[in-house]
Amino acid sequence: MRPAGLKTRIFLDGGDPDETRQAIDLLGFLDGQTTNPTLISKNPEVREAIDRGVRFSEKEIIAFYHDLVKKISAMIPQGSISVEVYADPATYADQMLRQGKEMFGWIPNAHIKFPTSKEGLKAAEQAVKGRLRVNMTLCFSQEQAAAVYAATRGAKKGEVFVSPFIGRLDDRGENGMDLIANILKMYSKGDGHVEVLTASVRTLDHLLCAIKLGSDIITAPFAILKEWGKKGLPMPKDDYTYDCGKLAAMPYQDIDLSKQWQEYNISHDLTVKGMERFSADWNALIKQS
């Protein structure tokens, strides 16, 4: 069951309903789930088909994604299920928004994932005006998080998540946990309408540190939640410290949240690389005409 004092919501990062069921059984609770094109490509049913040489039409794989999130939603009816639009670096905001509106109608508890890019922010700005719930993914900097805050200004709490990807920052020698701390500190000056969802969690220490920092939400793969569950769902103690090893610090920036989102520097190479990876994994599932 949920540990006493745990305010952070715990999501599963995955594309397999069997893992969802196992996580709920193991933890005794689950507050939501995040999905993306790469996770869909790793779904056991999809992998089995690909291994047999089968490829899907675009209509077929979208229908599979639809059915999958409906199964997950039924298991976590009071939680949030993030569903990601297709977005490569050349995808325009109106294309993302059109997909997002369709996906939002799939289940009653959807958050639509847009990339934290120029076109993704354009789409999100219009989406929240239409009362769509959004999850801004592939965030790697404070300025990107500030742009998310500005682009979604006017949304209610619970309608907007921002997902900083800490593991991918660690991969290139930067302390991704610093970014979580910095965004939380920056947002403490605002109205609270954007919630921080710690993503790309690679270790149990990532999870424990994010809880300690007060991240609103953490999404973690089943392997990490399984490790946490088997250890009895430990909580970080008062004297808990995160050992970042030789990872370089990411200094806090004093950023004004009152500006328009277009005034922030939102370019980041990891956002572009993430979009390229997600779209490539999705495209690999589709048979070529």
Protein backbone atom coordinates (compact mmCIF):
# COMPACT_ATOMS: atom_id res chain seq x y z
CA MET A 1 0.00 0.00 0.00
CA ARG A 2 0.99 3.65 -0.36
CA PRO A 3 3.74 4.50 2.14
CA ALA A 4 2.77 6.93 4.90
CA GLY A 5 3.76 10.47 3.98
CA LEU A 6 4.13 9.82 0.24
CA LYS A 7 2.68 12.86 -1.51
CA THR A 8 4.37 12.23 -4.85
CA ARG A 9 2.18 10.35 -7.32
CA ILE A 10 3.75 7.21 -8.78
CA PHE A 11 3.26 6.33 -12.45
CA LEU A 12 4.42 3.33 -14.45
CA ASP A 13 6.35 4.13 -17.62
CA GLY A 14 5.40 1.34 -19.98
CA GLY A 15 3.35 0.01 -22.86
CA ASP A 16 2.31 -3.41 -21.56
CA PRO A 17 -0.97 -3.81 -19.62
CA ASP A 18 0.42 -6.97 -17.99
CA GLU A 19 3.10 -4.83 -16.35
CA THR A 20 0.39 -2.42 -15.21
CA ARG A 21 -1.45 -5.27 -13.52
CA GLN A 22 1.74 -6.58 -11.92
CA ALA A 23 2.73 -3.12 -10.66
CA ILE A 24 -0.67 -2.61 -9.02
CA ASP A 25 -0.48 -6.05 -7.40
CA LEU A 26 3.06 -5.45 -6.17
CA LEU A 27 2.72 -1.88 -4.89
CA GLY A 28 -0.92 -2.01 -3.87
CA PHE A 29 -1.54 1.22 -5.79
CA LEU A 30 -0.64 3.05 -9.00
CA ASP A 31 -1.50 6.66 -9.74
CA GLY A 32 -1.10 6.64 -13.51
CA GLN A 33 0.93 5.54 -16.50
CA THR A 34 2.98 7.17 -19.24
CA THR A 35 3.30 5.73 -22.74
CA ASN A 36 5.25 6.73 -25.84
CA PRO A 37 5.96 5.35 -29.33
CA THR A 38 9.12 3.53 -28.20
CA LEU A 39 7.23 1.77 -25.41
CA ILE A 40 4.50 0.75 -27.84
CA SER A 41 7.17 -0.70 -30.14
CA LYS A 42 8.40 -2.81 -27.19
CA ASN A 43 4.95 -4.20 -26.34
CA PRO A 44 5.17 -8.03 -26.37
CA GLU A 45 2.38 -8.43 -28.92
CA VAL A 46 4.01 -5.90 -31.22
CA ARG A 47 7.46 -7.48 -30.81
CA GLU A 48 6.10 -10.93 -31.57
CA ALA A 49 4.56 -9.63 -34.79
CA ILE A 50 7.72 -7.77 -35.79
CA ASP A 51 9.84 -10.86 -35.13
CA ARG A 52 7.58 -12.75 -37.56
CA GLY A 53 8.26 -10.09 -40.17
CA VAL A 54 4.86 -8.44 -39.84
CA ARG A 55 4.49 -4.70 -40.27
CA PHE A 56 1.35 -2.68 -39.56
CA SER A 57 -0.56 -0.13 -41.52
CA GLU A 58 -0.71 3.26 -39.82
CA LYS A 59 -4.41 2.69 -39.14
CA GLU A 60 -3.69 -0.70 -37.54
CA ILE A 61 -0.97 0.50 -35.19
CA ILE A 62 -3.04 3.51 -34.10
CA ALA A 63 -5.95 1.14 -33.40
CA PHE A 64 -3.59 -1.04 -31.35
CA TYR A 65 -2.42 2.01 -29.36
CA HIS A 66 -6.05 3.01 -28.80
CA ASP A 67 -7.01 -0.43 -27.49
CA LEU A 68 -3.91 -0.62 -25.29
CA VAL A 69 -4.54 2.67 -23.49
CA LYS A 70 -8.20 1.71 -22.99
CA LYS A 71 -7.05 -1.43 -21.17
CA ILE A 72 -4.62 0.57 -19.03
CA SER A 73 -7.19 3.28 -18.32
CA ALA A 74 -9.66 0.67 -17.06
CA MET A 75 -7.06 -0.52 -14.53
CA ILE A 76 -6.25 3.01 -13.29
CA PRO A 77 -9.60 4.80 -13.73
CA GLN A 78 -8.85 7.54 -11.19
CA GLY A 79 -5.32 8.15 -12.49
CA SER A 80 -3.79 9.79 -15.54
CA ILE A 81 -2.73 8.00 -18.71
CA SER A 82 -0.32 9.88 -20.98
CA VAL A 83 -0.76 9.26 -24.71
CA GLU A 84 1.85 10.65 -27.10
CA VAL A 85 1.28 12.22 -30.50
CA TYR A 86 3.54 11.41 -33.42
CA ALA A 87 6.06 14.23 -33.69
CA ASP A 88 9.28 14.21 -35.62
CA PRO A 89 11.27 17.46 -35.98
CA ALA A 90 9.30 18.32 -39.13
CA THR A 91 5.81 17.85 -37.64
CA TYR A 92 3.78 21.07 -37.43
CA ALA A 93 1.68 22.21 -34.48
CA ASP A 94 -1.63 21.82 -36.31
CA GLN A 95 -0.78 18.18 -37.10
CA MET A 96 0.07 17.51 -33.44
CA LEU A 97 -3.07 19.26 -32.26
CA ARG A 98 -5.29 17.28 -34.62
CA GLN A 99 -3.79 14.01 -33.35
CA GLY A 100 -4.01 15.21 -29.75
CA LYS A 101 -7.71 16.01 -29.99
CA GLU A 102 -8.42 12.56 -31.40
CA MET A 103 -6.33 10.78 -28.73
CA PHE A 104 -7.88 12.83 -25.93
CA GLY A 105 -11.22 11.28 -26.83
CA TRP A 106 -9.91 7.74 -26.50
CA ILE A 107 -10.18 7.58 -22.70
CA PRO A 108 -11.62 9.84 -19.97
CA ASN A 109 -8.31 10.26 -18.10
CA ALA A 110 -5.85 11.14 -20.86
CA HIS A 111 -2.98 13.60 -20.81
CA ILE A 112 -1.69 14.26 -24.33
CA LYS A 113 2.08 14.29 -24.72
CA PHE A 114 3.56 17.01 -26.92
CA PRO A 115 7.31 17.61 -27.26
CA THR A 116 8.81 20.67 -25.59
CA SER A 117 9.70 22.18 -28.95
CA LYS A 118 8.49 25.28 -30.78
CA GLU A 119 5.73 23.40 -32.62
CA GLY A 120 4.89 21.31 -29.56
CA LEU A 121 4.43 24.45 -27.45
CA LYS A 122 2.25 26.02 -30.13
CA ALA A 123 0.07 22.91 -30.05
CA ALA A 124 -0.07 22.88 -26.25
CA GLU A 125 -1.06 26.54 -26.09
CA GLN A 126 -4.10 25.81 -28.24
CA ALA A 127 -4.81 22.47 -26.56
CA VAL A 128 -5.20 23.91 -23.06
CA LYS A 129 -7.51 26.59 -24.41
CA GLY A 130 -9.70 23.72 -25.57
CA ARG A 131 -9.45 22.15 -22.08
CA LEU A 132 -7.24 19.28 -23.17
CA ARG A 133 -4.89 17.99 -20.51
CA VAL A 134 -1.26 17.94 -21.67
CA ASN A 135 2.08 16.42 -20.69
CA MET A 136 5.02 18.32 -22.17
CA THR A 137 7.69 15.72 -22.74
CA LEU A 138 11.40 15.72 -23.62
CA CYS A 139 12.18 18.68 -21.36
CA PHE A 140 15.88 19.17 -20.62
CA SER A 141 16.26 22.75 -19.36
CA GLN A 142 14.80 25.30 -17.00
CA GLU A 143 14.00 27.64 -19.87
CA GLN A 144 12.00 24.92 -21.59
CA ALA A 145 10.06 24.42 -18.35
CA ALA A 146 9.49 28.17 -18.12
CA ALA A 147 8.14 28.14 -21.68
CA VAL A 148 5.74 25.32 -20.74
CA TYR A 149 4.50 27.43 -17.82
CA ALA A 150 3.97 30.46 -20.08
CA ALA A 151 2.38 28.57 -23.00
CA THR A 152 -0.19 26.92 -20.70
CA ARG A 153 -0.95 29.95 -18.55
CA GLY A 154 -4.62 29.90 -17.54
CA ALA A 155 -4.83 26.12 -17.21
CA LYS A 156 -6.01 24.61 -13.94
CA LYS A 157 -3.81 22.49 -11.69
CA GLY A 158 -3.92 18.90 -12.88
CA GLU A 159 -4.26 19.87 -16.54
CA VAL A 160 -0.55 20.34 -17.31
CA PHE A 161 2.52 18.20 -16.62
CA VAL A 162 6.12 18.88 -17.65
CA SER A 163 8.39 15.86 -17.97
CA PRO A 164 12.12 16.52 -17.46
CA PHE A 165 14.12 13.50 -18.68
CA ILE A 166 16.80 13.04 -16.02
CA GLY A 167 18.39 9.80 -17.24
CA ARG A 168 19.27 11.23 -20.62
CA LEU A 169 21.00 14.18 -18.95
CA ASP A 170 22.93 11.75 -16.73
CA ASP A 171 23.97 9.87 -19.89
CA ARG A 172 25.92 12.88 -21.06
CA GLY A 173 27.46 13.74 -17.71
CA GLU A 174 24.97 16.25 -16.29
CA ASN A 175 23.17 15.78 -12.98
CA GLY A 176 19.57 15.40 -14.10
CA MET A 177 18.29 15.57 -10.51
CA ASP A 178 19.52 19.17 -10.38
CA LEU A 179 17.05 20.01 -13.15
CA ILE A 180 14.16 18.63 -11.09
CA ALA A 181 15.24 20.68 -8.07
CA ASN A 182 15.69 23.80 -10.22
CA ILE A 183 12.29 23.55 -11.92
CA LEU A 184 10.51 22.94 -8.62
CA LYS A 185 12.22 25.99 -7.14
CA MET A 186 11.35 28.12 -10.18
CA TYR A 187 7.72 26.97 -10.20
CA SER A 188 7.35 27.74 -6.49
CA LYS A 189 7.21 31.40 -7.55
CA GLY A 190 4.27 30.73 -9.87
CA ASP A 191 0.61 29.79 -9.58
CA GLY A 192 1.12 26.01 -9.41
CA HIS A 193 -0.73 25.16 -12.61
CA VAL A 194 2.15 23.03 -14.01
CA GLU A 195 3.11 19.84 -12.18
CA VAL A 196 6.60 18.34 -12.43
CA LEU A 197 6.70 14.73 -13.64
CA THR A 198 10.17 13.24 -13.16
CA ALA A 199 10.82 11.00 -16.18
CA SER A 200 13.61 8.86 -17.67
CA VAL A 201 14.15 7.31 -14.24
CA ARG A 202 16.99 4.80 -14.40
CA THR A 203 17.70 3.89 -10.77
CA LEU A 204 15.99 3.50 -7.42
CA ASP A 205 18.03 6.48 -6.22
CA HIS A 206 16.47 8.60 -8.97
CA LEU A 207 13.06 7.68 -7.58
CA LEU A 208 14.02 8.29 -3.93
CA CYS A 209 15.69 11.61 -4.72
CA ALA A 210 12.66 12.81 -6.69
CA ILE A 211 10.43 11.95 -3.72
CA LYS A 212 12.80 13.80 -1.40
CA LEU A 213 12.78 16.88 -3.66
CA GLY A 214 8.99 16.91 -3.72
CA SER A 215 8.40 16.10 -7.38
CA ASP A 216 4.65 16.09 -8.01
CA ILE A 217 4.84 12.86 -10.01
CA ILE A 218 7.44 10.22 -10.87
CA THR A 219 7.14 7.81 -13.77
CA ALA A 220 9.41 4.78 -13.67
CA PRO A 221 9.79 1.57 -15.65
CA PHE A 222 8.47 -1.64 -14.16
CA ALA A 223 11.97 -2.86 -13.21
CA ILE A 224 12.48 0.16 -10.92
CA LEU A 225 9.01 -0.08 -9.35
CA LYS A 226 9.57 -3.82 -8.85
CA GLU A 227 12.88 -3.14 -7.08
CA TRP A 228 11.20 -0.50 -4.88
CA GLY A 229 8.31 -2.84 -4.08
CA LYS A 230 10.52 -5.79 -3.21
CA LYS A 231 12.44 -3.59 -0.77
CA GLY A 232 9.20 -2.68 0.99
CA LEU A 233 8.56 0.71 -0.67
CA PRO A 234 11.27 2.55 1.30
CA MET A 235 10.96 6.31 1.68
CA PRO A 236 13.97 8.66 1.77
CA LYS A 237 14.89 9.44 5.37
CA ASP A 238 15.49 12.93 6.71
CA ASP A 239 19.24 12.53 6.26
CA TYR A 240 18.94 11.10 2.72
CA THR A 241 21.45 12.52 0.24
CA TYR A 242 21.69 11.75 -3.44
CA ASP A 243 25.13 10.70 -4.65
CA CYS A 244 25.54 12.10 -8.15
CA GLY A 245 29.11 10.86 -8.46
CA LYS A 246 31.05 12.80 -11.07
CA LEU A 247 28.01 14.23 -12.84
CA ALA A 248 28.31 17.95 -13.53
CA ALA A 249 26.03 20.29 -11.60
CA MET A 250 23.26 22.15 -13.40
CA PRO A 251 23.19 25.61 -11.76
CA TYR A 252 19.89 27.28 -10.90
CA GLN A 253 18.80 30.11 -13.20
CA ASP A 254 16.66 32.97 -11.89
CA ILE A 255 14.06 33.05 -14.67
CA ASP A 256 11.11 35.42 -14.95
CA LEU A 257 7.94 33.36 -15.47
CA SER A 258 5.86 36.32 -16.62
CA LYS A 259 7.22 36.45 -20.18
CA GLN A 260 5.62 35.00 -23.30
CA TRP A 261 6.78 31.48 -24.11
CA GLN A 262 8.38 32.59 -27.38
CA GLU A 263 10.85 34.75 -25.41
CA TYR A 264 12.58 31.76 -23.81
CA ASN A 265 15.42 29.76 -25.31
CA ILE A 266 13.71 26.42 -25.86
CA SER A 267 16.17 24.81 -28.26
CA HIS A 268 17.86 21.67 -26.94
CA ASP A 269 19.64 18.98 -28.90
CA LEU A 270 18.30 16.20 -26.65
CA THR A 271 14.73 17.25 -27.44
CA VAL A 272 15.43 16.91 -31.15
CA LYS A 273 17.19 13.57 -30.65
CA GLY A 274 14.29 12.32 -28.53
CA MET A 275 11.77 13.26 -31.21
CA GLU A 276 13.89 11.53 -33.83
CA ARG A 277 14.13 8.36 -31.73
CA PHE A 278 10.41 8.18 -30.89
CA SER A 279 9.35 8.79 -34.49
CA ALA A 280 11.90 6.27 -35.84
CA ASP A 281 10.64 3.57 -33.46
CA TRP A 282 7.06 4.29 -34.54
CA ASN A 283 7.90 4.35 -38.25
CA ALA A 284 9.71 1.02 -37.93
CA LEU A 285 6.36 -0.60 -37.10
CA ILE A 286 4.64 0.61 -40.26
CA LYS A 287 4.83 -1.24 -43.56
CA GLN A 288 6.15 0.86 -46.38
CA SER A 289 3.92 1.41 -49.40
